[in-house]
Amino acid sequence: MNIVSKTATILLPLAVLAFVGVSAAAETRSTKVSYADLNLATPSGVAILEKRIVHAAKQVCGSADIFDRLDVMDMEHCRTKAIGDAVPRVALAVAEARLRQASAETGNGLASSR
């Protein structure tokens, strides 16, 4: 996760694996999901970030030919993995936001900006 001044993003690394054929080469794509405009100390801010992550996973993993079972399975695997990989990053960002908010409310000086 890159947090640089006022820009906050979660990087979703997505490994798109080719399960069909002999090729073991994997294509890795990623996208940044920004949450700089969200208050992750609130449930609504977290819900919006989760929607953004699902949307990003759908965009990066693409769509599948519904008549090709392996293609659908690959797409679903990609989306599931991408979202799953983002969960710990989201949890960390939420914990940091809640700590900053609690620190600001108590005035103990831990609410420093990154």
Protein backbone atom coordinates (compact mmCIF):
# COMPACT_ATOMS: atom_id res chain seq x y z
CA MET A 1 0.00 0.00 0.00
CA ASN A 2 1.40 3.37 -0.97
CA ILE A 3 0.46 6.32 1.20
CA VAL A 4 2.16 9.43 -0.06
CA SER A 5 1.10 12.75 1.46
CA LYS A 6 -2.56 13.18 0.60
CA THR A 7 -2.75 10.34 -1.92
CA ALA A 8 -3.86 7.03 -0.53
CA THR A 9 -4.22 3.96 -2.68
CA ILE A 10 -4.48 0.24 -2.44
CA LEU A 11 -2.60 -1.62 -5.13
CA LEU A 12 -4.47 -4.68 -6.35
CA PRO A 13 -1.96 -7.09 -7.85
CA LEU A 14 -3.84 -9.51 -10.02
CA ALA A 15 -2.30 -12.67 -11.32
CA VAL A 16 -4.15 -13.84 -14.37
CA LEU A 17 -3.21 -17.46 -14.79
CA ALA A 18 -3.66 -19.52 -17.90
CA PHE A 19 -5.06 -22.83 -16.71
CA VAL A 20 -5.60 -24.09 -20.23
CA GLY A 21 -2.70 -25.52 -22.17
CA VAL A 22 0.86 -26.26 -21.22
CA SER A 23 1.96 -22.68 -20.77
CA ALA A 24 2.75 -21.93 -17.14
CA ALA A 25 3.30 -18.25 -17.85
CA ALA A 26 1.20 -15.97 -15.70
CA GLU A 27 0.27 -12.46 -16.62
CA THR A 28 0.27 -10.05 -13.70
CA ARG A 29 -1.73 -6.85 -13.89
CA SER A 30 -2.48 -4.32 -11.21
CA THR A 31 -4.51 -1.22 -10.60
CA LYS A 32 -4.61 1.39 -7.90
CA VAL A 33 -7.76 1.96 -5.90
CA SER A 34 -7.79 5.37 -4.28
CA TYR A 35 -9.34 6.08 -0.92
CA ALA A 36 -7.84 9.50 -0.34
CA ASP A 37 -11.30 11.04 -0.45
CA LEU A 38 -12.82 8.57 2.02
CA ASN A 39 -13.04 8.55 5.80
CA LEU A 40 -12.17 4.94 6.58
CA ALA A 41 -13.02 5.48 10.22
CA THR A 42 -16.69 5.33 9.19
CA PRO A 43 -18.69 2.32 7.95
CA SER A 44 -19.84 4.26 4.88
CA GLY A 45 -16.25 5.08 3.91
CA VAL A 46 -15.25 1.42 4.23
CA ALA A 47 -18.30 0.31 2.20
CA ILE A 48 -17.40 2.68 -0.64
CA LEU A 49 -13.80 1.42 -0.67
CA GLU A 50 -15.01 -2.18 -0.80
CA LYS A 51 -17.23 -1.33 -3.79
CA ARG A 52 -14.27 0.32 -5.53
CA ILE A 53 -12.15 -2.79 -4.98
CA VAL A 54 -14.83 -5.08 -6.41
CA HIS A 55 -15.21 -2.75 -9.40
CA ALA A 56 -11.43 -2.65 -9.96
CA ALA A 57 -11.20 -6.45 -9.77
CA LYS A 58 -13.97 -6.77 -12.37
CA GLN A 59 -12.24 -4.30 -14.68
CA VAL A 60 -8.77 -5.80 -14.42
CA CYS A 61 -9.89 -9.43 -14.55
CA GLY A 62 -12.23 -8.74 -17.42
CA SER A 63 -15.20 -10.74 -18.52
CA ALA A 64 -15.52 -14.32 -19.65
CA ASP A 65 -17.22 -16.23 -22.41
CA ILE A 66 -20.19 -17.66 -20.51
CA PHE A 67 -20.13 -20.70 -22.76
CA ASP A 68 -16.52 -21.50 -21.83
CA ARG A 69 -16.53 -23.01 -18.36
CA LEU A 70 -12.73 -22.71 -17.93
CA ASP A 71 -12.81 -19.08 -19.00
CA VAL A 72 -15.51 -18.33 -16.42
CA MET A 73 -13.58 -20.20 -13.73
CA ASP A 74 -10.39 -18.27 -14.54
CA MET A 75 -12.24 -14.95 -14.35
CA GLU A 76 -13.90 -15.85 -11.04
CA HIS A 77 -10.59 -17.05 -9.61
CA CYS A 78 -8.89 -13.81 -10.66
CA ARG A 79 -11.60 -11.66 -9.07
CA THR A 80 -11.70 -13.70 -5.87
CA LYS A 81 -7.92 -13.59 -5.51
CA ALA A 82 -7.73 -9.87 -6.23
CA ILE A 83 -10.37 -9.02 -3.66
CA GLY A 84 -8.87 -11.45 -1.14
CA ASP A 85 -5.42 -9.92 -1.61
CA ALA A 86 -6.85 -6.46 -0.92
CA VAL A 87 -8.57 -7.44 2.35
CA PRO A 88 -5.47 -7.17 4.60
CA ARG A 89 -4.54 -3.83 3.03
CA VAL A 90 -8.05 -2.51 3.63
CA ALA A 91 -8.00 -3.76 7.22
CA LEU A 92 -4.69 -1.97 7.83
CA ALA A 93 -5.92 1.27 6.26
CA VAL A 94 -9.13 1.13 8.32
CA ALA A 95 -7.21 0.45 11.55
CA GLU A 96 -4.86 3.37 10.83
CA ALA A 97 -7.80 5.70 10.10
CA ARG A 98 -9.58 4.70 13.29
CA LEU A 99 -6.40 5.15 15.32
CA ARG A 100 -5.84 8.62 13.84
CA GLN A 101 -9.44 9.55 14.60
CA ALA A 102 -9.24 8.26 18.19
CA SER A 103 -5.93 10.05 18.68
CA ALA A 104 -7.37 13.29 17.37
CA GLU A 105 -10.39 12.98 19.65
CA THR A 106 -8.25 12.38 22.73
CA GLY A 107 -5.65 14.94 21.71
CA ASN A 108 -2.66 12.72 22.44
CA GLY A 109 -0.74 13.78 19.36
CA LEU A 110 -0.74 10.43 17.54
CA ALA A 111 -2.86 11.82 14.72
CA SER A 112 0.11 12.68 12.53
CA SER A 113 -0.43 12.86 8.79
CA ARG A 114 1.54 10.62 6.45
